[in-house]
């Protein structure tokens, strides 16, 4: 198989793993926000856009260092990494 076809095949396989953004009900969102504000450490799962309306879900365990209420995002920090996460894309939080 030529390299171009292999690259295209691998990209198609990656695209098959993409999912639409999950819909989180309002009462769930309020619960997620409460857990984020109340916990020192959290396991946060969010949807990350990759291509159009499709994306992937990411999970990270860390400390919520900053909550930007105007920008509707949080800063989650681990020993090795930090990530700004849109509050609109968060799908689950476990303290």
N, C-alpha and C. Protein backbone atom coordinates (compact mmCIF):
# COMPACT_ATOMS: atom_id res chain seq x y z
N UNK A 1 0.85 -1.17 0.00
CA UNK A 1 0.00 0.00 0.00
C UNK A 1 0.90 1.24 0.00
N UNK A 2 0.67 2.15 -0.92
CA UNK A 2 1.46 3.39 -0.98
C UNK A 2 1.29 4.21 0.30
N UNK A 3 2.31 4.98 0.66
CA UNK A 3 2.26 5.77 1.90
C UNK A 3 1.07 6.74 1.97
N UNK A 4 0.68 7.31 0.83
CA UNK A 4 -0.44 8.25 0.83
C UNK A 4 -1.74 7.54 1.19
N UNK A 5 -1.93 6.33 0.64
CA UNK A 5 -3.15 5.57 0.94
C UNK A 5 -3.15 5.12 2.40
N UNK A 6 -1.98 4.73 2.89
CA UNK A 6 -1.89 4.29 4.29
C UNK A 6 -2.23 5.45 5.23
N UNK A 7 -1.71 6.64 4.94
CA UNK A 7 -1.98 7.82 5.76
C UNK A 7 -3.48 8.14 5.73
N UNK A 8 -4.09 8.06 4.55
CA UNK A 8 -5.50 8.34 4.42
C UNK A 8 -6.33 7.30 5.19
N UNK A 9 -5.93 6.04 5.11
CA UNK A 9 -6.61 4.96 5.83
C UNK A 9 -6.52 5.18 7.34
N UNK A 10 -5.32 5.52 7.82
CA UNK A 10 -5.14 5.75 9.26
C UNK A 10 -5.96 6.95 9.73
N UNK A 11 -6.03 8.01 8.89
CA UNK A 11 -6.83 9.18 9.25
C UNK A 11 -8.31 8.82 9.31
N UNK A 12 -8.78 7.99 8.39
CA UNK A 12 -10.17 7.55 8.41
C UNK A 12 -10.47 6.75 9.67
N UNK A 13 -9.54 5.91 10.09
CA UNK A 13 -9.71 5.12 11.31
C UNK A 13 -9.79 6.04 12.53
N UNK A 14 -8.96 7.09 12.57
CA UNK A 14 -9.01 8.06 13.66
C UNK A 14 -10.34 8.82 13.64
N UNK A 15 -10.79 9.19 12.46
CA UNK A 15 -12.06 9.91 12.33
C UNK A 15 -13.23 9.05 12.81
N UNK A 16 -13.16 7.74 12.64
CA UNK A 16 -14.22 6.84 13.09
C UNK A 16 -14.37 6.84 14.60
N UNK A 17 -13.33 7.24 15.33
CA UNK A 17 -13.36 7.28 16.79
C UNK A 17 -14.01 8.55 17.33
N UNK A 18 -14.22 9.55 16.47
CA UNK A 18 -14.76 10.83 16.91
C UNK A 18 -16.24 10.71 17.24
N UNK A 19 -16.69 11.49 18.22
CA UNK A 19 -18.08 11.46 18.66
C UNK A 19 -18.64 12.87 18.72
N UNK A 20 -19.96 12.97 18.65
CA UNK A 20 -20.61 14.26 18.79
C UNK A 20 -20.54 14.68 20.25
N UNK A 21 -20.64 15.99 20.50
CA UNK A 21 -20.58 16.48 21.87
C UNK A 21 -21.78 15.96 22.65
N UNK A 22 -21.53 15.35 23.82
CA UNK A 22 -22.64 14.85 24.64
C UNK A 22 -23.50 16.01 25.15
N UNK A 23 -24.77 15.74 25.31
CA UNK A 23 -25.69 16.74 25.84
C UNK A 23 -25.83 16.50 27.34
N UNK A 24 -25.54 17.54 28.12
CA UNK A 24 -25.63 17.45 29.57
C UNK A 24 -26.81 18.32 30.01
N UNK A 25 -27.74 17.72 30.76
CA UNK A 25 -28.92 18.43 31.23
C UNK A 25 -28.54 19.53 32.22
N UNK A 26 -29.39 20.54 32.35
CA UNK A 26 -29.12 21.70 33.20
C UNK A 26 -28.86 21.30 34.65
N UNK A 27 -29.64 20.38 35.20
CA UNK A 27 -29.44 19.99 36.60
C UNK A 27 -28.11 19.28 36.78
N UNK A 28 -27.68 18.53 35.77
CA UNK A 28 -26.36 17.89 35.81
C UNK A 28 -25.26 18.94 35.77
N UNK A 29 -25.44 19.98 34.93
CA UNK A 29 -24.45 21.06 34.84
C UNK A 29 -24.28 21.76 36.18
N UNK A 30 -25.38 22.02 36.85
CA UNK A 30 -25.31 22.66 38.15
C UNK A 30 -24.57 21.78 39.15
N UNK A 31 -24.82 20.49 39.08
CA UNK A 31 -24.13 19.55 39.97
C UNK A 31 -22.63 19.51 39.66
N UNK A 32 -22.27 19.51 38.37
CA UNK A 32 -20.86 19.51 37.97
C UNK A 32 -20.17 20.77 38.47
N UNK A 33 -20.82 21.92 38.31
CA UNK A 33 -20.24 23.19 38.76
C UNK A 33 -20.03 23.19 40.27
N UNK A 34 -20.98 22.61 41.02
CA UNK A 34 -20.85 22.53 42.46
C UNK A 34 -19.64 21.68 42.85
N UNK A 35 -19.49 20.53 42.20
CA UNK A 35 -18.36 19.64 42.50
C UNK A 35 -17.04 20.32 42.18
N UNK A 36 -16.99 21.02 41.05
CA UNK A 36 -15.76 21.73 40.66
C UNK A 36 -15.39 22.77 41.71
N UNK A 37 -16.35 23.56 42.13
CA UNK A 37 -16.07 24.63 43.10
C UNK A 37 -15.75 24.10 44.49
N UNK A 38 -16.29 22.94 44.83
CA UNK A 38 -16.18 22.41 46.18
C UNK A 38 -14.99 21.48 46.38
N UNK A 39 -14.37 21.01 45.31
CA UNK A 39 -13.34 19.99 45.47
C UNK A 39 -11.93 20.55 45.32
N UNK A 40 -11.01 19.97 46.06
CA UNK A 40 -9.60 20.34 45.93
C UNK A 40 -9.00 19.64 44.71
N UNK A 41 -9.34 18.36 44.56
CA UNK A 41 -8.86 17.59 43.40
C UNK A 41 -10.07 17.01 42.69
N UNK A 42 -9.98 16.92 41.38
CA UNK A 42 -11.12 16.44 40.62
C UNK A 42 -10.66 15.63 39.41
N UNK A 43 -11.50 14.70 39.04
CA UNK A 43 -11.33 13.91 37.82
C UNK A 43 -12.33 14.51 36.82
N UNK A 44 -11.84 15.25 35.84
CA UNK A 44 -12.70 15.99 34.92
C UNK A 44 -12.69 15.32 33.55
N UNK A 45 -13.89 15.12 33.00
CA UNK A 45 -14.03 14.59 31.64
C UNK A 45 -14.69 15.67 30.80
N UNK A 46 -14.14 15.92 29.61
CA UNK A 46 -14.70 16.94 28.74
C UNK A 46 -14.59 16.49 27.29
N UNK A 47 -15.40 17.15 26.46
CA UNK A 47 -15.41 16.89 25.03
C UNK A 47 -14.52 17.91 24.36
N UNK A 48 -13.66 17.44 23.45
CA UNK A 48 -12.73 18.33 22.74
C UNK A 48 -13.00 18.23 21.24
N UNK A 49 -13.33 19.36 20.63
CA UNK A 49 -13.64 19.39 19.20
C UNK A 49 -12.40 19.06 18.39
N UNK A 50 -12.58 18.19 17.39
CA UNK A 50 -11.48 17.81 16.52
C UNK A 50 -11.77 18.21 15.07
N UNK A 51 -12.98 17.85 14.61
CA UNK A 51 -13.31 18.08 13.21
C UNK A 51 -14.80 18.39 13.10
N UNK A 52 -15.15 19.62 12.77
CA UNK A 52 -16.56 19.97 12.64
C UNK A 52 -17.30 19.80 13.95
N UNK A 53 -18.40 19.04 13.90
CA UNK A 53 -19.20 18.77 15.11
C UNK A 53 -18.72 17.53 15.84
N UNK A 54 -17.63 16.94 15.40
CA UNK A 54 -17.13 15.72 16.02
C UNK A 54 -15.87 16.01 16.83
N UNK A 55 -15.68 15.20 17.84
CA UNK A 55 -14.51 15.37 18.69
C UNK A 55 -14.26 14.11 19.49
N UNK A 56 -13.53 14.27 20.55
CA UNK A 56 -13.18 13.14 21.40
C UNK A 56 -13.36 13.55 22.86
N UNK A 57 -13.49 12.57 23.73
CA UNK A 57 -13.59 12.89 25.15
C UNK A 57 -12.22 12.71 25.79
N UNK A 58 -11.90 13.61 26.69
CA UNK A 58 -10.63 13.61 27.40
C UNK A 58 -10.92 13.55 28.90
N UNK A 59 -10.04 12.93 29.65
CA UNK A 59 -10.16 12.88 31.10
C UNK A 59 -8.82 13.22 31.72
N UNK A 60 -8.88 14.02 32.80
CA UNK A 60 -7.66 14.43 33.48
C UNK A 60 -7.96 14.57 34.97
N UNK A 61 -7.06 14.09 35.80
CA UNK A 61 -7.16 14.19 37.25
C UNK A 61 -6.22 15.29 37.70
N UNK A 62 -6.73 16.25 38.46
CA UNK A 62 -5.86 17.30 38.92
C UNK A 62 -6.54 18.25 39.88
N UNK A 63 -5.91 19.38 40.09
CA UNK A 63 -6.40 20.41 41.00
C UNK A 63 -6.98 21.54 40.17
N UNK A 64 -8.19 21.97 40.50
CA UNK A 64 -8.78 23.13 39.83
C UNK A 64 -8.14 24.36 40.45
N UNK A 65 -7.23 24.98 39.70
CA UNK A 65 -6.47 26.13 40.20
C UNK A 65 -7.17 27.46 39.94
N UNK A 66 -8.00 27.52 38.91
CA UNK A 66 -8.62 28.79 38.56
C UNK A 66 -9.96 28.53 37.90
N UNK A 67 -10.94 29.32 38.26
CA UNK A 67 -12.25 29.28 37.60
C UNK A 67 -12.48 30.66 37.00
N UNK A 68 -12.52 30.73 35.68
CA UNK A 68 -12.77 31.98 34.96
C UNK A 68 -14.26 32.02 34.62
N UNK A 69 -15.04 32.70 35.46
CA UNK A 69 -16.49 32.71 35.27
C UNK A 69 -16.89 33.53 34.05
N UNK A 70 -16.15 34.57 33.72
CA UNK A 70 -16.48 35.37 32.53
C UNK A 70 -16.21 34.58 31.26
N UNK A 71 -15.07 33.89 31.22
CA UNK A 71 -14.71 33.09 30.06
C UNK A 71 -15.31 31.69 30.08
N UNK A 72 -15.99 31.34 31.19
CA UNK A 72 -16.63 30.03 31.37
C UNK A 72 -15.65 28.89 31.13
N UNK A 73 -14.50 28.95 31.85
CA UNK A 73 -13.52 27.88 31.74
C UNK A 73 -12.81 27.70 33.07
N UNK A 74 -12.21 26.52 33.24
CA UNK A 74 -11.45 26.23 34.45
C UNK A 74 -10.02 25.85 34.05
N UNK A 75 -9.11 26.04 34.98
CA UNK A 75 -7.73 25.62 34.76
C UNK A 75 -7.48 24.42 35.67
N UNK A 76 -7.24 23.25 35.06
CA UNK A 76 -6.97 22.02 35.79
C UNK A 76 -5.47 21.76 35.69
N UNK A 77 -4.82 21.53 36.84
CA UNK A 77 -3.37 21.41 36.90
C UNK A 77 -2.97 20.08 37.52
N UNK A 78 -1.99 19.41 36.91
CA UNK A 78 -1.37 18.21 37.47
C UNK A 78 0.10 18.52 37.71
N UNK A 79 0.85 17.53 38.17
CA UNK A 79 2.29 17.72 38.37
C UNK A 79 3.02 17.99 37.06
N UNK A 80 2.49 17.46 35.95
CA UNK A 80 3.18 17.55 34.66
C UNK A 80 2.52 18.45 33.64
N UNK A 81 1.26 18.84 33.86
CA UNK A 81 0.51 19.51 32.80
C UNK A 81 -0.52 20.45 33.41
N UNK A 82 -1.01 21.36 32.59
CA UNK A 82 -2.17 22.17 32.95
C UNK A 82 -3.03 22.30 31.71
N UNK A 83 -4.33 22.46 31.93
CA UNK A 83 -5.25 22.48 30.81
C UNK A 83 -6.38 23.45 31.12
N UNK A 84 -6.66 24.37 30.21
CA UNK A 84 -7.85 25.20 30.31
C UNK A 84 -8.98 24.44 29.67
N UNK A 85 -10.09 24.29 30.37
CA UNK A 85 -11.21 23.49 29.89
C UNK A 85 -12.47 24.35 29.90
N UNK A 86 -13.16 24.39 28.77
CA UNK A 86 -14.41 25.13 28.68
C UNK A 86 -15.46 24.46 29.55
N UNK A 87 -16.13 25.24 30.39
CA UNK A 87 -17.17 24.69 31.25
C UNK A 87 -18.33 24.15 30.43
N UNK A 88 -18.51 24.67 29.23
CA UNK A 88 -19.59 24.21 28.35
C UNK A 88 -19.31 22.83 27.77
N UNK A 89 -18.05 22.40 27.81
CA UNK A 89 -17.67 21.11 27.23
C UNK A 89 -17.46 20.02 28.29
N UNK A 90 -17.55 20.38 29.57
CA UNK A 90 -17.36 19.39 30.63
C UNK A 90 -18.56 18.46 30.66
N UNK A 91 -18.28 17.15 30.68
CA UNK A 91 -19.36 16.15 30.68
C UNK A 91 -19.45 15.37 31.98
N UNK A 92 -18.38 15.36 32.79
CA UNK A 92 -18.42 14.64 34.06
C UNK A 92 -17.32 15.18 34.98
N UNK A 93 -17.60 15.15 36.29
CA UNK A 93 -16.63 15.55 37.30
C UNK A 93 -16.79 14.63 38.49
N UNK A 94 -15.66 14.08 38.95
CA UNK A 94 -15.68 13.24 40.16
C UNK A 94 -14.64 13.81 41.11
N UNK A 95 -15.07 14.02 42.35
CA UNK A 95 -14.15 14.57 43.35
C UNK A 95 -13.41 13.46 44.06
